[in-house]
């Protein structure tokens, strides 16, 4: 006689990671360097903004927030991956898994929302140049950013609550991912996962496609306004202020869209390929964002030059 046993709260999960991929350890060593670079690059950018009073504006409040999110998502994700796969500690306690899920998914959603906030700032500055300082104040920017944080953590808090209502057939289910990802976790459940599928679908719309649509709409408006400028030099000068943000949008959304397109077209994707794509999509943007924004933004580069000049001009104490 076969007895069907379910576990409302399993002991924990086993994170599979790459399957039969030789020398996969080198990839996680690479991620360790990515994490180190992410911390250094973002803390340098945040320090420049923090120490330069002329950068205490809505634009750079949004940039500072993006750096905080970049550091946060990398910290929630990479150190755990390194400990799991470099030191062969793939078992994760149930509560620890849900905690990681909450923070990684919330910060990933915040990354998308932060790019929307930055596009909103560019839209106001370019489309309403004479009123931008009254429309988009520092206080309003803090309120908008605070709302994004509350929205993201509330949504994924609800998602985690629905995960706790699932029953699992094994005391230690195997998760085919590189962290406690929402989709791979609920797919291992024995009980109905319809509510979690709805949550995942709404997430895709609310935190991926809607933000991208808003960003595209903002740039359609920006281009329409810039087309009215007679001088080509004037148009380019105004649009140049958007180049850094556009680069960040491309880096974040292209890998995500490629993954979703493959899923929706039912093209076969090996677990290793999916893990490689999604892990790079989650870990490389936080490293590249501060580097690109620093190199592409004249105000940031000017402040760096000022700091260097002051350092050289400072008297040497004997």
C-alpha atoms as a PDB file:
ATOM      1  CA  UNK A   1       0.000   0.000   0.000  1.00  0.00           C
ATOM      2  CA  UNK A   2       1.442   3.392  -1.018  1.00  0.00           C
ATOM      3  CA  UNK A   3       1.060   6.245   1.422  1.00  0.00           C
ATOM      4  CA  UNK A   4       1.094   9.780   0.048  1.00  0.00           C
ATOM      5  CA  UNK A   5       2.869  12.082   2.484  1.00  0.00           C
ATOM      6  CA  UNK A   6       2.968  15.834   2.154  1.00  0.00           C
ATOM      7  CA  UNK A   7       4.990  18.361   4.117  1.00  0.00           C
ATOM      8  CA  UNK A   8       3.329  21.756   4.686  1.00  0.00           C
ATOM      9  CA  UNK A   9       6.691  23.147   5.811  1.00  0.00           C
ATOM     10  CA  UNK A  10       9.649  21.140   4.539  1.00  0.00           C
ATOM     11  CA  UNK A  11      12.864  21.046   6.536  1.00  0.00           C
ATOM     12  CA  UNK A  12      14.537  23.019   3.798  1.00  0.00           C
ATOM     13  CA  UNK A  13      15.464  23.042   0.127  1.00  0.00           C
ATOM     14  CA  UNK A  14      18.393  21.738  -1.874  1.00  0.00           C
ATOM     15  CA  UNK A  15      19.576  24.264  -4.466  1.00  0.00           C
ATOM     16  CA  UNK A  16      20.661  22.334  -7.551  1.00  0.00           C
ATOM     17  CA  UNK A  17      22.698  25.017  -9.310  1.00  0.00           C
ATOM     18  CA  UNK A  18      24.467  23.996 -12.503  1.00  0.00           C
ATOM     19  CA  UNK A  19      23.936  20.375 -13.488  1.00  0.00           C
ATOM     20  CA  UNK A  20      26.904  18.331 -14.732  1.00  0.00           C
ATOM     21  CA  UNK A  21      28.754  21.456 -15.811  1.00  0.00           C
ATOM     22  CA  UNK A  22      32.520  21.003 -15.511  1.00  0.00           C
ATOM     23  CA  UNK A  23      34.579  23.738 -13.846  1.00  0.00           C
ATOM     24  CA  UNK A  24      31.432  25.573 -12.685  1.00  0.00           C
ATOM     25  CA  UNK A  25      33.374  26.648  -9.581  1.00  0.00           C
ATOM     26  CA  UNK A  26      35.205  29.199 -11.720  1.00  0.00           C
ATOM     27  CA  UNK A  27      31.913  30.902 -12.505  1.00  0.00           C
ATOM     28  CA  UNK A  28      31.203  31.535  -8.834  1.00  0.00           C
ATOM     29  CA  UNK A  29      34.756  32.785  -8.320  1.00  0.00           C
ATOM     30  CA  UNK A  30      33.958  35.212 -11.141  1.00  0.00           C
ATOM     31  CA  UNK A  31      30.780  36.235  -9.273  1.00  0.00           C
ATOM     32  CA  UNK A  32      32.890  36.900  -6.168  1.00  0.00           C
ATOM     33  CA  UNK A  33      34.942  39.427  -8.145  1.00  0.00           C
ATOM     34  CA  UNK A  34      31.730  40.865  -9.603  1.00  0.00           C
ATOM     35  CA  UNK A  35      30.417  41.370  -6.058  1.00  0.00           C
ATOM     36  CA  UNK A  36      33.642  43.050  -4.933  1.00  0.00           C
ATOM     37  CA  UNK A  37      33.569  45.350  -7.956  1.00  0.00           C
ATOM     38  CA  UNK A  38      29.884  46.115  -7.345  1.00  0.00           C
ATOM     39  CA  UNK A  39      30.568  47.204  -3.768  1.00  0.00           C
ATOM     40  CA  UNK A  40      33.560  49.368  -4.706  1.00  0.00           C
ATOM     41  CA  UNK A  41      31.934  51.052  -7.729  1.00  0.00           C
ATOM     42  CA  UNK A  42      28.623  51.787  -6.004  1.00  0.00           C
ATOM     43  CA  UNK A  43      30.159  53.035  -2.758  1.00  0.00           C
ATOM     44  CA  UNK A  44      32.418  55.388  -4.735  1.00  0.00           C
ATOM     45  CA  UNK A  45      29.407  56.758  -6.628  1.00  0.00           C
ATOM     46  CA  UNK A  46      27.331  57.091  -3.444  1.00  0.00           C
ATOM     47  CA  UNK A  47      30.226  58.842  -1.673  1.00  0.00           C
ATOM     48  CA  UNK A  48      30.596  61.362  -4.498  1.00  0.00           C
ATOM     49  CA  UNK A  49      26.874  62.166  -4.399  1.00  0.00           C
ATOM     50  CA  UNK A  50      26.826  62.296  -0.587  1.00  0.00           C
ATOM     51  CA  UNK A  51      29.848  64.617  -0.301  1.00  0.00           C
ATOM     52  CA  UNK A  52      28.918  66.977  -3.169  1.00  0.00           C
ATOM     53  CA  UNK A  53      26.175  69.394  -2.145  1.00  0.00           C
ATOM     54  CA  UNK A  54      25.654  70.449  -5.760  1.00  0.00           C
ATOM     55  CA  UNK A  55      24.505  66.875  -6.476  1.00  0.00           C
ATOM     56  CA  UNK A  56      21.809  66.915  -3.790  1.00  0.00           C
ATOM     57  CA  UNK A  57      19.077  67.152  -6.422  1.00  0.00           C
ATOM     58  CA  UNK A  58      16.167  64.891  -7.455  1.00  0.00           C
ATOM     59  CA  UNK A  59      18.257  63.465 -10.317  1.00  0.00           C
ATOM     60  CA  UNK A  60      21.055  62.279  -8.067  1.00  0.00           C
ATOM     61  CA  UNK A  61      18.740  61.197  -5.280  1.00  0.00           C
ATOM     62  CA  UNK A  62      17.341  58.734  -7.839  1.00  0.00           C
ATOM     63  CA  UNK A  63      20.877  57.685  -8.829  1.00  0.00           C
ATOM     64  CA  UNK A  64      21.846  57.222  -5.162  1.00  0.00           C
ATOM     65  CA  UNK A  65      18.756  55.071  -4.641  1.00  0.00           C
ATOM     66  CA  UNK A  66      19.692  52.881  -7.625  1.00  0.00           C
ATOM     67  CA  UNK A  67      23.147  52.343  -6.123  1.00  0.00           C
ATOM     68  CA  UNK A  68      21.601  51.329  -2.792  1.00  0.00           C
ATOM     69  CA  UNK A  69      19.381  48.827  -4.620  1.00  0.00           C
ATOM     70  CA  UNK A  70      22.355  47.527  -6.629  1.00  0.00           C
ATOM     71  CA  UNK A  71      24.398  46.868  -3.486  1.00  0.00           C
ATOM     72  CA  UNK A  72      21.389  45.331  -1.740  1.00  0.00           C
ATOM     73  CA  UNK A  73      20.437  42.846  -4.459  1.00  0.00           C
ATOM     74  CA  UNK A  74      24.060  41.770  -4.899  1.00  0.00           C
ATOM     75  CA  UNK A  75      24.461  41.287  -1.139  1.00  0.00           C
ATOM     76  CA  UNK A  76      21.234  39.294  -0.901  1.00  0.00           C
ATOM     77  CA  UNK A  77      22.261  37.033  -3.778  1.00  0.00           C
ATOM     78  CA  UNK A  78      25.982  36.589  -4.442  1.00  0.00           C
ATOM     79  CA  UNK A  79      27.487  35.748  -1.001  1.00  0.00           C
ATOM     80  CA  UNK A  80      24.912  32.979  -0.497  1.00  0.00           C
ATOM     81  CA  UNK A  81      25.636  31.576  -3.980  1.00  0.00           C
ATOM     82  CA  UNK A  82      29.353  31.521  -3.234  1.00  0.00           C
ATOM     83  CA  UNK A  83      28.870  29.698   0.076  1.00  0.00           C
ATOM     84  CA  UNK A  84      26.490  27.187  -1.522  1.00  0.00           C
ATOM     85  CA  UNK A  85      28.451  26.252  -4.621  1.00  0.00           C
ATOM     86  CA  UNK A  86      32.082  26.944  -3.762  1.00  0.00           C
ATOM     87  CA  UNK A  87      31.860  25.350  -0.327  1.00  0.00           C
ATOM     88  CA  UNK A  88      29.283  22.689  -1.248  1.00  0.00           C
ATOM     89  CA  UNK A  89      26.605  23.901   1.162  1.00  0.00           C
ATOM     90  CA  UNK A  90      23.539  23.630  -1.061  1.00  0.00           C
ATOM     91  CA  UNK A  91      21.025  22.838   1.661  1.00  0.00           C
ATOM     92  CA  UNK A  92      19.017  25.886   2.756  1.00  0.00           C
ATOM     93  CA  UNK A  93      16.657  25.938   5.725  1.00  0.00           C
ATOM     94  CA  UNK A  94      13.011  26.632   4.893  1.00  0.00           C
ATOM     95  CA  UNK A  95      12.913  29.979   6.737  1.00  0.00           C
ATOM     96  CA  UNK A  96      16.261  31.060   5.286  1.00  0.00           C
ATOM     97  CA  UNK A  97      15.056  30.230   1.788  1.00  0.00           C
ATOM     98  CA  UNK A  98      11.901  32.325   2.168  1.00  0.00           C
ATOM     99  CA  UNK A  99      13.927  35.216   3.591  1.00  0.00           C
ATOM    100  CA  UNK A 100      16.309  35.175   0.634  1.00  0.00           C
ATOM    101  CA  UNK A 101      13.359  34.940  -1.756  1.00  0.00           C
ATOM    102  CA  UNK A 102      11.759  38.014  -0.194  1.00  0.00           C
ATOM    103  CA  UNK A 103      14.870  40.181  -0.372  1.00  0.00           C
ATOM    104  CA  UNK A 104      16.191  39.095  -3.781  1.00  0.00           C
ATOM    105  CA  UNK A 105      12.804  39.385  -5.521  1.00  0.00           C
ATOM    106  CA  UNK A 106      11.967  42.672  -3.778  1.00  0.00           C
ATOM    107  CA  UNK A 107      15.277  44.269  -4.729  1.00  0.00           C
ATOM    108  CA  UNK A 108      14.990  42.946  -8.277  1.00  0.00           C
ATOM    109  CA  UNK A 109      11.567  44.573  -8.551  1.00  0.00           C
ATOM    110  CA  UNK A 110      13.042  47.749  -7.063  1.00  0.00           C
ATOM    111  CA  UNK A 111      15.758  47.768  -9.723  1.00  0.00           C
ATOM    112  CA  UNK A 112      13.056  47.992 -12.381  1.00  0.00           C
ATOM    113  CA  UNK A 113      11.063  50.632 -10.496  1.00  0.00           C
ATOM    114  CA  UNK A 114      14.215  52.682  -9.864  1.00  0.00           C
ATOM    115  CA  UNK A 115      14.831  52.917 -13.604  1.00  0.00           C
ATOM    116  CA  UNK A 116      11.254  54.183 -14.009  1.00  0.00           C
ATOM    117  CA  UNK A 117      11.876  56.842 -11.354  1.00  0.00           C
ATOM    118  CA  UNK A 118      14.992  57.966 -13.216  1.00  0.00           C
ATOM    119  CA  UNK A 119      13.072  58.180 -16.508  1.00  0.00           C
ATOM    120  CA  UNK A 120      10.371  60.219 -14.731  1.00  0.00           C
ATOM    121  CA  UNK A 121      13.055  62.639 -13.525  1.00  0.00           C
ATOM    122  CA  UNK A 122      14.434  63.027 -17.068  1.00  0.00           C
ATOM    123  CA  UNK A 123      10.892  63.498 -18.430  1.00  0.00           C
ATOM    124  CA  UNK A 124      10.134  66.324 -15.984  1.00  0.00           C
ATOM    125  CA  UNK A 125      13.517  68.022 -16.483  1.00  0.00           C
ATOM    126  CA  UNK A 126      13.351  68.040 -20.286  1.00  0.00           C
ATOM    127  CA  UNK A 127       9.615  68.425 -20.941  1.00  0.00           C
ATOM    128  CA  UNK A 128       9.003  71.032 -18.203  1.00  0.00           C
ATOM    129  CA  UNK A 129      12.365  72.802 -17.827  1.00  0.00           C
ATOM    130  CA  UNK A 130      10.972  76.011 -16.337  1.00  0.00           C
ATOM    131  CA  UNK A 131       8.820  74.240 -13.736  1.00  0.00           C
ATOM    132  CA  UNK A 132      10.931  71.152 -13.054  1.00  0.00           C
ATOM    133  CA  UNK A 133      12.352  72.538  -9.805  1.00  0.00           C
ATOM    134  CA  UNK A 134       8.844  73.057  -8.401  1.00  0.00           C
ATOM    135  CA  UNK A 135       7.263  69.906  -9.848  1.00  0.00           C
ATOM    136  CA  UNK A 136      10.003  67.503  -8.806  1.00  0.00           C
ATOM    137  CA  UNK A 137      11.483  68.567  -5.479  1.00  0.00           C
ATOM    138  CA  UNK A 138      13.832  66.548  -3.289  1.00  0.00           C
ATOM    139  CA  UNK A 139      10.987  65.805  -0.881  1.00  0.00           C
ATOM    140  CA  UNK A 140       8.733  64.508  -3.658  1.00  0.00           C
ATOM    141  CA  UNK A 141      11.536  62.347  -5.001  1.00  0.00           C
ATOM    142  CA  UNK A 142      12.030  60.804  -1.546  1.00  0.00           C
ATOM    143  CA  UNK A 143       8.273  60.137  -1.349  1.00  0.00           C
ATOM    144  CA  UNK A 144       8.234  58.481  -4.799  1.00  0.00           C
ATOM    145  CA  UNK A 145      11.242  56.321  -3.941  1.00  0.00           C
ATOM    146  CA  UNK A 146       9.738  55.400  -0.567  1.00  0.00           C
ATOM    147  CA  UNK A 147       6.515  54.345  -2.286  1.00  0.00           C
ATOM    148  CA  UNK A 148       8.498  52.104  -4.661  1.00  0.00           C
ATOM    149  CA  UNK A 149      10.215  50.395  -1.717  1.00  0.00           C
ATOM    150  CA  UNK A 150       6.934  49.817   0.104  1.00  0.00           C
ATOM    151  CA  UNK A 151       5.229  48.550  -3.073  1.00  0.00           C
ATOM    152  CA  UNK A 152       7.971  46.068  -3.935  1.00  0.00           C
ATOM    153  CA  UNK A 153       8.416  44.638  -0.436  1.00  0.00           C
ATOM    154  CA  UNK A 154       4.654  44.454   0.151  1.00  0.00           C
ATOM    155  CA  UNK A 155       4.054  42.598  -3.105  1.00  0.00           C
ATOM    156  CA  UNK A 156       6.778  40.040  -2.551  1.00  0.00           C
ATOM    157  CA  UNK A 157       5.857  39.759   1.112  1.00  0.00           C
ATOM    158  CA  UNK A 158       2.435  38.590  -0.063  1.00  0.00           C
ATOM    159  CA  UNK A 159       4.130  36.219  -2.538  1.00  0.00           C
ATOM    160  CA  UNK A 160       6.140  34.635   0.291  1.00  0.00           C
ATOM    161  CA  UNK A 161       2.990  34.257   2.414  1.00  0.00           C
ATOM    162  CA  UNK A 162       1.367  32.275  -0.414  1.00  0.00           C
ATOM    163  CA  UNK A 163       4.470  30.075  -0.629  1.00  0.00           C
ATOM    164  CA  UNK A 164       4.001  29.173   3.051  1.00  0.00           C
ATOM    165  CA  UNK A 165       0.529  27.824   2.217  1.00  0.00           C
ATOM    166  CA  UNK A 166       1.919  25.228  -0.178  1.00  0.00           C
ATOM    167  CA  UNK A 167       2.472  21.574   0.683  1.00  0.00           C
ATOM    168  CA  UNK A 168       5.498  19.684  -0.619  1.00  0.00           C
ATOM    169  CA  UNK A 169       5.854  15.980  -1.368  1.00  0.00           C
ATOM    170  CA  UNK A 170       9.414  15.755  -0.096  1.00  0.00           C
ATOM    171  CA  UNK A 171      10.955  16.881   3.197  1.00  0.00           C
ATOM    172  CA  UNK A 172      13.812  18.443   1.186  1.00  0.00           C
ATOM    173  CA  UNK A 173      12.624  19.454  -2.323  1.00  0.00           C
ATOM    174  CA  UNK A 174      15.270  20.142  -4.977  1.00  0.00           C
ATOM    175  CA  UNK A 175      15.066  23.649  -6.455  1.00  0.00           C
ATOM    176  CA  UNK A 176      16.346  23.839 -10.033  1.00  0.00           C
ATOM    177  CA  UNK A 177      17.886  27.261  -9.741  1.00  0.00           C
ATOM    178  CA  UNK A 178      20.884  29.015  -8.208  1.00  0.00           C
ATOM    179  CA  UNK A 179      18.922  30.583  -5.322  1.00  0.00           C
ATOM    180  CA  UNK A 180      15.492  30.338  -3.706  1.00  0.00           C
ATOM    181  CA  UNK A 181      13.685  31.647  -6.762  1.00  0.00           C
ATOM    182  CA  UNK A 182       9.918  32.094  -6.507  1.00  0.00           C
ATOM    183  CA  UNK A 183       8.973  30.136  -9.653  1.00  0.00           C
ATOM    184  CA  UNK A 184      11.176  27.056  -9.171  1.00  0.00           C
ATOM    185  CA  UNK A 185      10.085  26.839  -5.513  1.00  0.00           C
ATOM    186  CA  UNK A 186       6.315  26.818  -6.053  1.00  0.00           C
ATOM    187  CA  UNK A 187       6.666  24.417  -9.001  1.00  0.00           C
ATOM    188  CA  UNK A 188       7.951  21.765  -6.556  1.00  0.00           C
ATOM    189  CA  UNK A 189       4.712  21.892  -4.531  1.00  0.00           C
ATOM    190  CA  UNK A 190       2.198  19.024  -4.427  1.00  0.00           C
ATOM    191  CA  UNK A 191      -0.772  21.253  -3.673  1.00  0.00           C
ATOM    192  CA  UNK A 192      -2.385  23.637  -6.151  1.00  0.00           C
ATOM    193  CA  UNK A 193      -0.030  26.423  -7.185  1.00  0.00           C
ATOM    194  CA  UNK A 194      -2.615  28.443  -9.137  1.00  0.00           C
ATOM    195  CA  UNK A 195      -2.457  31.432  -6.756  1.00  0.00           C
ATOM    196  CA  UNK A 196       1.337  31.520  -6.992  1.00  0.00           C
ATOM    197  CA  UNK A 197       1.166  31.340 -10.790  1.00  0.00           C
ATOM    198  CA  UNK A 198      -1.139  34.365 -10.769  1.00  0.00           C
ATOM    199  CA  UNK A 199       1.297  36.201  -8.486  1.00  0.00           C
ATOM    200  CA  UNK A 200       4.169  35.357 -10.853  1.00  0.00           C
ATOM    201  CA  UNK A 201       2.167  36.551 -13.877  1.00  0.00           C
ATOM    202  CA  UNK A 202       1.166  39.812 -12.190  1.00  0.00           C
ATOM    203  CA  UNK A 203       4.814  40.317 -11.210  1.00  0.00           C
ATOM    204  CA  UNK A 204       5.871  39.992 -14.849  1.00  0.00           C
ATOM    205  CA  UNK A 205       3.397  42.671 -15.880  1.00  0.00           C
ATOM    206  CA  UNK A 206       3.753  45.020 -12.891  1.00  0.00           C
ATOM    207  CA  UNK A 207       7.527  44.891 -12.430  1.00  0.00           C
ATOM    208  CA  UNK A 208       8.838  44.156 -15.938  1.00  0.00           C
ATOM    209  CA  UNK A 209       6.518  45.150 -18.779  1.00  0.00           C
ATOM    210  CA  UNK A 210       4.670  48.079 -17.184  1.00  0.00           C
ATOM    211  CA  UNK A 211       7.913  49.785 -16.058  1.00  0.00           C
ATOM    212  CA  UNK A 212       9.421  49.238 -19.510  1.00  0.00           C
ATOM    213  CA  UNK A 213       6.278  50.667 -21.141  1.00  0.00           C
ATOM    214  CA  UNK A 214       6.433  53.744 -18.875  1.00  0.00           C
ATOM    215  CA  UNK A 215      10.104  54.265 -19.709  1.00  0.00           C
ATOM    216  CA  UNK A 216       9.402  54.003 -23.449  1.00  0.00           C
ATOM    217  CA  UNK A 217       6.455  56.410 -23.107  1.00  0.00           C
ATOM    218  CA  UNK A 218       8.598  58.934 -21.239  1.00  0.00           C
ATOM    219  CA  UNK A 219      11.216  58.857 -23.992  1.00  0.00           C
ATOM    220  CA  UNK A 220       8.579  59.215 -26.706  1.00  0.00           C
ATOM    221  CA  UNK A 221       7.503  62.434 -24.956  1.00  0.00           C
ATOM    222  CA  UNK A 222      11.130  63.529 -24.533  1.00  0.00           C
ATOM    223  CA  UNK A 223      11.906  62.966 -28.223  1.00  0.00           C
ATOM    224  CA  UNK A 224       8.727  64.841 -29.200  1.00  0.00           C
ATOM    225  CA  UNK A 225       9.823  67.834 -27.114  1.00  0.00           C
ATOM    226  CA  UNK A 226      13.409  67.725 -28.380  1.00  0.00           C
ATOM    227  CA  UNK A 227      12.218  67.636 -32.000  1.00  0.00           C
ATOM    228  CA  UNK A 228      10.880  71.174 -31.508  1.00  0.00           C
ATOM    229  CA  UNK A 229      14.346  72.510 -30.720  1.00  0.00           C
ATOM    230  CA  UNK A 230      15.670  74.228 -33.841  1.00  0.00           C
ATOM    231  CA  UNK A 231      19.357  73.754 -33.099  1.00  0.00           C
ATOM    232  CA  UNK A 232      20.730  70.248 -33.673  1.00  0.00           C
ATOM    233  CA  UNK A 233      23.412  71.000 -31.106  1.00  0.00           C
ATOM    234  CA  UNK A 234      20.739  71.949 -28.585  1.00  0.00           C
ATOM    235  CA  UNK A 235      18.806  68.741 -29.230  1.00  0.00           C
ATOM    236  CA  UNK A 236      21.913  66.609 -28.786  1.00  0.00           C
ATOM    237  CA  UNK A 237      22.970  68.466 -25.630  1.00  0.00           C
ATOM    238  CA  UNK A 238      19.583  67.789 -24.028  1.00  0.00           C
ATOM    239  CA  UNK A 239      19.384  64.171 -25.181  1.00  0.00           C
ATOM    240  CA  UNK A 240      22.955  63.525 -24.031  1.00  0.00           C
ATOM    241  CA  UNK A 241      21.745  63.845 -20.435  1.00  0.00           C
ATOM    242  CA  UNK A 242      19.608  60.731 -21.048  1.00  0.00           C
ATOM    243  CA  UNK A 243      22.342  58.526 -22.510  1.00  0.00           C
ATOM    244  CA  UNK A 244      23.512  57.062 -19.203  1.00  0.00           C
ATOM    245  CA  UNK A 245      19.969  56.151 -18.171  1.00  0.00           C
ATOM    246  CA  UNK A 246      19.223  54.573 -21.560  1.00  0.00           C
ATOM    247  CA  UNK A 247      22.340  52.422 -21.240  1.00  0.00           C
ATOM    248  CA  UNK A 248      21.170  51.206 -17.817  1.00  0.00           C
ATOM    249  CA  UNK A 249      17.715  50.382 -19.215  1.00  0.00           C
ATOM    250  CA  UNK A 250      19.207  48.301 -22.041  1.00  0.00           C
ATOM    251  CA  UNK A 251      21.553  46.416 -19.686  1.00  0.00           C
ATOM    252  CA  UNK A 252      18.722  45.543 -17.289  1.00  0.00           C
ATOM    253  CA  UNK A 253      15.793  44.780 -19.602  1.00  0.00           C
ATOM    254  CA  UNK A 254      17.374  43.034 -22.618  1.00  0.00           C
ATOM    255  CA  UNK A 255      18.468  39.844 -20.757  1.00  0.00           C
ATOM    256  CA  UNK A 256      15.119  39.690 -18.943  1.00  0.00           C
ATOM    257  CA  UNK A 257      13.127  40.076 -22.167  1.00  0.00           C
ATOM    258  CA  UNK A 258      15.242  37.428 -23.918  1.00  0.00           C
ATOM    259  CA  UNK A 259      14.487  34.957 -21.118  1.00  0.00           C
ATOM    260  CA  UNK A 260      10.740  35.649 -21.217  1.00  0.00           C
ATOM    261  CA  UNK A 261      10.645  35.424 -25.022  1.00  0.00           C
ATOM    262  CA  UNK A 262      12.259  31.977 -24.892  1.00  0.00           C
ATOM    263  CA  UNK A 263       9.777  30.825 -22.244  1.00  0.00           C
ATOM    264  CA  UNK A 264       6.725  32.147 -24.115  1.00  0.00           C
ATOM    265  CA  UNK A 265       7.760  30.680 -27.460  1.00  0.00           C
ATOM    266  CA  UNK A 266       8.284  27.296 -25.772  1.00  0.00           C
ATOM    267  CA  UNK A 267      11.817  27.051 -27.077  1.00  0.00           C
ATOM    268  CA  UNK A 268      13.858  24.445 -25.218  1.00  0.00           C
ATOM    269  CA  UNK A 269      16.199  25.945 -22.635  1.00  0.00           C
ATOM    270  CA  UNK A 270      18.524  23.822 -20.564  1.00  0.00           C
ATOM    271  CA  UNK A 271      18.653  24.430 -16.826  1.00  0.00           C
ATOM    272  CA  UNK A 272      22.310  25.461 -17.054  1.00  0.00           C
ATOM    273  CA  UNK A 273      21.578  27.998 -19.798  1.00  0.00           C
ATOM    274  CA  UNK A 274      18.670  29.460 -17.847  1.00  0.00           C
ATOM    275  CA  UNK A 275      20.718  29.724 -14.646  1.00  0.00           C
ATOM    276  CA  UNK A 276      23.616  31.361 -16.484  1.00  0.00           C
ATOM    277  CA  UNK A 277      21.344  33.888 -18.210  1.00  0.00           C
ATOM    278  CA  UNK A 278      19.288  34.805 -15.148  1.00  0.00           C
ATOM    279  CA  UNK A 279      22.293  34.988 -12.812  1.00  0.00           C
ATOM    280  CA  UNK A 280      24.216  37.287 -15.158  1.00  0.00           C
ATOM    281  CA  UNK A 281      21.080  39.414 -15.636  1.00  0.00           C
ATOM    282  CA  UNK A 282      20.817  39.811 -11.854  1.00  0.00           C
ATOM    283  CA  UNK A 283      24.497  40.367 -11.017  1.00  0.00           C
ATOM    284  CA  UNK A 284      26.098  42.302 -13.899  1.00  0.00           C
ATOM    285  CA  UNK A 285      23.791  45.384 -13.996  1.00  0.00           C
ATOM    286  CA  UNK A 286      24.610  46.327 -10.359  1.00  0.00           C
ATOM    287  CA  UNK A 287      28.306  46.306 -11.337  1.00  0.00           C
ATOM    288  CA  UNK A 288      27.916  48.142 -14.645  1.00  0.00           C
ATOM    289  CA  UNK A 289      25.343  50.741 -13.527  1.00  0.00           C
ATOM    290  CA  UNK A 290      27.688  52.936 -11.423  1.00  0.00           C
ATOM    291  CA  UNK A 291      30.555  52.588 -13.917  1.00  0.00           C
ATOM    292  CA  UNK A 292      28.436  53.623 -16.902  1.00  0.00           C
ATOM    293  CA  UNK A 293      26.658  56.394 -15.018  1.00  0.00           C
ATOM    294  CA  UNK A 294      29.955  57.820 -13.768  1.00  0.00           C
ATOM    295  CA  UNK A 295      31.635  57.768 -17.180  1.00  0.00           C
ATOM    296  CA  UNK A 296      28.566  59.085 -19.041  1.00  0.00           C
ATOM    297  CA  UNK A 297      27.656  61.913 -16.646  1.00  0.00           C
ATOM    298  CA  UNK A 298      29.610  65.172 -16.836  1.00  0.00           C
ATOM    299  CA  UNK A 299      28.568  66.353 -13.358  1.00  0.00           C
ATOM    300  CA  UNK A 300      29.914  63.190 -11.723  1.00  0.00           C
ATOM    301  CA  UNK A 301      33.191  63.346 -13.653  1.00  0.00           C
ATOM    302  CA  UNK A 302      33.569  67.020 -12.751  1.00  0.00           C
ATOM    303  CA  UNK A 303      33.141  66.257  -9.055  1.00  0.00           C
ATOM    304  CA  UNK A 304      35.749  63.486  -9.290  1.00  0.00           C
ATOM    305  CA  UNK A 305      38.180  65.968 -10.883  1.00  0.00           C
ATOM    306  CA  UNK A 306      37.421  68.477  -8.103  1.00  0.00           C
ATOM    307  CA  UNK A 307      38.192  65.893  -5.419  1.00  0.00           C
ATOM    308  CA  UNK A 308      41.475  65.029  -7.157  1.00  0.00           C
ATOM    309  CA  UNK A 309      42.445  68.714  -7.473  1.00  0.00           C
ATOM    310  CA  UNK A 310      41.681  69.349  -3.797  1.00  0.00           C
ATOM    311  CA  UNK A 311      43.704  66.295  -2.813  1.00  0.00           C
ATOM    312  CA  UNK A 312      46.703  67.512  -4.811  1.00  0.00           C
ATOM    313  CA  UNK A 313      46.358  71.064  -3.488  1.00  0.00           C
ATOM    314  CA  UNK A 314      46.153  69.956   0.150  1.00  0.00           C
ATOM    315  CA  UNK A 315      49.366  70.740   2.087  1.00  0.00           C
ATOM    316  CA  UNK A 316      51.526  67.767   2.956  1.00  0.00           C
ATOM    317  CA  UNK A 317      52.037  67.311   6.697  1.00  0.00           C
ATOM    318  CA  UNK A 318      55.588  66.401   7.709  1.00  0.00           C
END
